[in-house]
Amino acid sequence: MGLTLPSDLFPQRVVGSVTGLSGLTAGIVGAGFTFLVGILVDRFSYRPAFVFAGCLPILATLLLVLLIRTPTRYDEKTVS
């Protein structure tokens, strides 16, 4: 789903850039979560990490529903 969203939401000329930026962001956030999970497990247990990981898909779905607007029609020739 993450690779198809940019092609559905952005003009064709920027899909590659959006996909690249989302991949970069995913890598950085993945490294941050690895650090965060290490701290959570060290101080508490695995339970908070699993609860957090279980809530993320629900939060992501809610954000998609709330933030994606109805697409507006544009003309490729007039957009530079």
C-alpha atoms as a PDB file:
ATOM      1  CA  MET A   1       0.000   0.000   0.000  1.00  0.00           C
ATOM      2  CA  GLY A   2       2.833   2.390   0.766  1.00  0.00           C
ATOM      3  CA  LEU A   3       4.152   2.188  -2.782  1.00  0.00           C
ATOM      4  CA  THR A   4       0.777   2.715  -4.441  1.00  0.00           C
ATOM      5  CA  LEU A   5      -0.378   5.713  -2.404  1.00  0.00           C
ATOM      6  CA  PRO A   6       1.970   8.237  -4.068  1.00  0.00           C
ATOM      7  CA  SER A   7       0.764   7.263  -7.530  1.00  0.00           C
ATOM      8  CA  ASP A   8      -2.843   7.717  -6.398  1.00  0.00           C
ATOM      9  CA  LEU A   9      -2.316  10.995  -4.570  1.00  0.00           C
ATOM     10  CA  PHE A  10       0.339  12.942  -6.487  1.00  0.00           C
ATOM     11  CA  PRO A  11       0.873  14.045 -10.090  1.00  0.00           C
ATOM     12  CA  GLN A  12       2.912  11.655 -12.227  1.00  0.00           C
ATOM     13  CA  ARG A  13       5.890  14.004 -12.436  1.00  0.00           C
ATOM     14  CA  VAL A  14       6.547  13.889  -8.665  1.00  0.00           C
ATOM     15  CA  VAL A  15       5.695  10.263  -7.820  1.00  0.00           C
ATOM     16  CA  GLY A  16       9.346   9.170  -7.866  1.00  0.00           C
ATOM     17  CA  SER A  17      10.413  11.964  -5.511  1.00  0.00           C
ATOM     18  CA  VAL A  18       7.559  11.302  -3.108  1.00  0.00           C
ATOM     19  CA  THR A  19       8.314   7.574  -3.077  1.00  0.00           C
ATOM     20  CA  GLY A  20      12.005   8.251  -2.440  1.00  0.00           C
ATOM     21  CA  LEU A  21      11.281  10.651   0.398  1.00  0.00           C
ATOM     22  CA  SER A  22       8.864   8.199   1.993  1.00  0.00           C
ATOM     23  CA  GLY A  23      11.509   5.458   1.799  1.00  0.00           C
ATOM     24  CA  LEU A  24      14.103   7.742   3.417  1.00  0.00           C
ATOM     25  CA  THR A  25      11.657   8.675   6.150  1.00  0.00           C
ATOM     26  CA  ALA A  26      10.783   5.017   6.754  1.00  0.00           C
ATOM     27  CA  GLY A  27      14.464   4.203   7.232  1.00  0.00           C
ATOM     28  CA  ILE A  28      15.039   7.042   9.685  1.00  0.00           C
ATOM     29  CA  VAL A  29      11.873   6.271  11.649  1.00  0.00           C
ATOM     30  CA  GLY A  30      12.776   2.566  11.689  1.00  0.00           C
ATOM     31  CA  ALA A  31      16.126   3.388  13.263  1.00  0.00           C
ATOM     32  CA  GLY A  32      14.397   5.608  15.819  1.00  0.00           C
ATOM     33  CA  PHE A  33      11.892   2.915  16.723  1.00  0.00           C
ATOM     34  CA  THR A  34      14.706   0.418  17.203  1.00  0.00           C
ATOM     35  CA  PHE A  35      16.274   2.797  19.709  1.00  0.00           C
ATOM     36  CA  LEU A  36      12.909   3.453  21.405  1.00  0.00           C
ATOM     37  CA  VAL A  37      12.044  -0.237  21.710  1.00  0.00           C
ATOM     38  CA  GLY A  38      15.451  -0.876  23.286  1.00  0.00           C
ATOM     39  CA  ILE A  39      14.767   1.749  25.934  1.00  0.00           C
ATOM     40  CA  LEU A  40      11.221   0.447  26.582  1.00  0.00           C
ATOM     41  CA  VAL A  41      12.382  -3.154  26.950  1.00  0.00           C
ATOM     42  CA  ASP A  42      15.292  -2.171  29.173  1.00  0.00           C
ATOM     43  CA  ARG A  43      13.144  -0.105  31.554  1.00  0.00           C
ATOM     44  CA  PHE A  44       9.842  -1.995  31.462  1.00  0.00           C
ATOM     45  CA  SER A  45       9.219  -5.098  29.350  1.00  0.00           C
ATOM     46  CA  TYR A  46       8.136  -6.057  25.851  1.00  0.00           C
ATOM     47  CA  ARG A  47       4.479  -5.312  26.620  1.00  0.00           C
ATOM     48  CA  PRO A  48       4.608  -1.511  25.935  1.00  0.00           C
ATOM     49  CA  ALA A  49       6.484  -2.139  22.688  1.00  0.00           C
ATOM     50  CA  PHE A  50       3.865  -4.628  21.485  1.00  0.00           C
ATOM     51  CA  VAL A  51       0.978  -2.362  22.505  1.00  0.00           C
ATOM     52  CA  PHE A  52       2.606   0.557  20.703  1.00  0.00           C
ATOM     53  CA  ALA A  53       3.268  -1.532  17.591  1.00  0.00           C
ATOM     54  CA  GLY A  54      -0.302  -2.826  17.651  1.00  0.00           C
ATOM     55  CA  CYS A  55      -1.748   0.699  17.811  1.00  0.00           C
ATOM     56  CA  LEU A  56       0.325   2.098  14.939  1.00  0.00           C
ATOM     57  CA  PRO A  57      -1.715   0.572  12.062  1.00  0.00           C
ATOM     58  CA  ILE A  58      -4.928   1.918  13.585  1.00  0.00           C
ATOM     59  CA  LEU A  59      -3.379   5.371  13.987  1.00  0.00           C
ATOM     60  CA  ALA A  60      -2.009   5.297  10.436  1.00  0.00           C
ATOM     61  CA  THR A  61      -5.409   4.359   9.025  1.00  0.00           C
ATOM     62  CA  LEU A  62      -7.117   7.140  10.954  1.00  0.00           C
ATOM     63  CA  LEU A  63      -4.545   9.662   9.725  1.00  0.00           C
ATOM     64  CA  LEU A  64      -5.052   8.551   6.118  1.00  0.00           C
ATOM     65  CA  VAL A  65      -8.814   8.919   6.427  1.00  0.00           C
ATOM     66  CA  LEU A  66      -8.537  12.346   8.052  1.00  0.00           C
ATOM     67  CA  LEU A  67      -5.729  13.847   5.958  1.00  0.00           C
ATOM     68  CA  ILE A  68      -6.494  12.666   2.421  1.00  0.00           C
ATOM     69  CA  ARG A  69      -8.821  15.075   0.699  1.00  0.00           C
ATOM     70  CA  THR A  70     -10.893  14.677  -2.410  1.00  0.00           C
ATOM     71  CA  PRO A  71      -8.549  15.132  -5.371  1.00  0.00           C
ATOM     72  CA  THR A  72      -8.886  18.300  -7.388  1.00  0.00           C
ATOM     73  CA  ARG A  73      -8.750  18.162 -11.112  1.00  0.00           C
ATOM     74  CA  TYR A  74      -5.818  19.845 -12.802  1.00  0.00           C
ATOM     75  CA  ASP A  75      -4.515  20.201 -16.308  1.00  0.00           C
ATOM     76  CA  GLU A  76      -1.022  18.764 -16.894  1.00  0.00           C
ATOM     77  CA  LYS A  77      -0.283  21.433 -19.520  1.00  0.00           C
ATOM     78  CA  THR A  78      -0.878  24.377 -17.185  1.00  0.00           C
ATOM     79  CA  VAL A  79       0.991  22.901 -14.205  1.00  0.00           C
ATOM     80  CA  SER A  80       4.749  23.418 -14.557  1.00  0.00           C
END
